[in-house]
Amino acid sequence: MVPLLLVLLLALILFGAGFALKALWWIAVIVLVVWLVGFIARPKSGSARWYRW
């Protein structure tokens, strides 16, 4: 009985980790797209940047 519960617990933990990692990948893709749009659509003058790098 205990090994079965441990396997089920491990499956739940791995499922939760997989969902969290997938969500983090989507967040990373969204941040990358926003950064690229800001980089491409920035003003030509160097003083009016919306970020400081």
Protein backbone atom coordinates (compact mmCIF):
# COMPACT_ATOMS: atom_id res chain seq x y z
CA MET A 1 0.00 0.00 0.00
CA VAL A 2 2.79 2.43 0.90
CA PRO A 3 4.69 1.96 -2.41
CA LEU A 4 1.47 2.64 -4.32
CA LEU A 5 0.92 5.87 -2.39
CA LEU A 6 4.54 6.89 -3.00
CA VAL A 7 4.15 6.29 -6.75
CA LEU A 8 0.94 8.32 -6.83
CA LEU A 9 2.58 11.12 -4.86
CA LEU A 10 5.55 11.11 -7.23
CA ALA A 11 3.19 11.24 -10.23
CA LEU A 12 1.35 14.23 -8.74
CA ILE A 13 4.62 16.05 -8.02
CA LEU A 14 5.94 15.44 -11.54
CA PHE A 15 2.61 16.54 -13.06
CA GLY A 16 2.70 19.76 -11.02
CA ALA A 17 6.33 20.42 -11.95
CA GLY A 18 5.59 19.82 -15.62
CA PHE A 19 2.67 22.24 -15.55
CA ALA A 20 4.78 24.89 -13.75
CA LEU A 21 7.66 24.50 -16.21
CA LYS A 22 5.30 24.79 -19.17
CA ALA A 23 3.80 27.95 -17.68
CA LEU A 24 7.30 29.37 -17.15
CA TRP A 25 8.19 28.65 -20.77
CA TRP A 26 5.10 30.56 -21.96
CA ILE A 27 6.00 33.49 -19.69
CA ALA A 28 9.55 33.48 -21.07
CA VAL A 29 8.26 33.51 -24.65
CA ILE A 30 5.91 36.42 -23.91
CA VAL A 31 8.73 38.42 -22.27
CA LEU A 32 11.00 37.73 -25.25
CA VAL A 33 8.34 38.92 -27.71
CA VAL A 34 7.73 42.11 -25.69
CA TRP A 35 11.48 42.77 -25.53
CA LEU A 36 11.89 42.22 -29.29
CA VAL A 37 8.97 44.52 -30.11
CA GLY A 38 10.46 47.18 -27.84
CA PHE A 39 13.88 46.72 -29.41
CA ILE A 40 12.54 46.96 -32.98
CA ALA A 41 10.02 49.77 -32.37
CA ARG A 42 12.29 51.96 -30.23
CA PRO A 43 12.78 55.60 -31.14
CA LYS A 44 15.88 56.47 -33.14
CA SER A 45 17.15 58.94 -30.53
CA GLY A 46 19.27 57.27 -27.86
CA SER A 47 17.95 59.33 -24.95
CA ALA A 48 14.32 58.20 -25.13
CA ARG A 49 14.72 54.48 -24.45
CA TRP A 50 12.06 52.64 -22.48
CA TYR A 51 14.68 50.42 -20.91
CA ARG A 52 18.26 50.86 -19.73
CA TRP A 53 20.79 48.24 -20.77
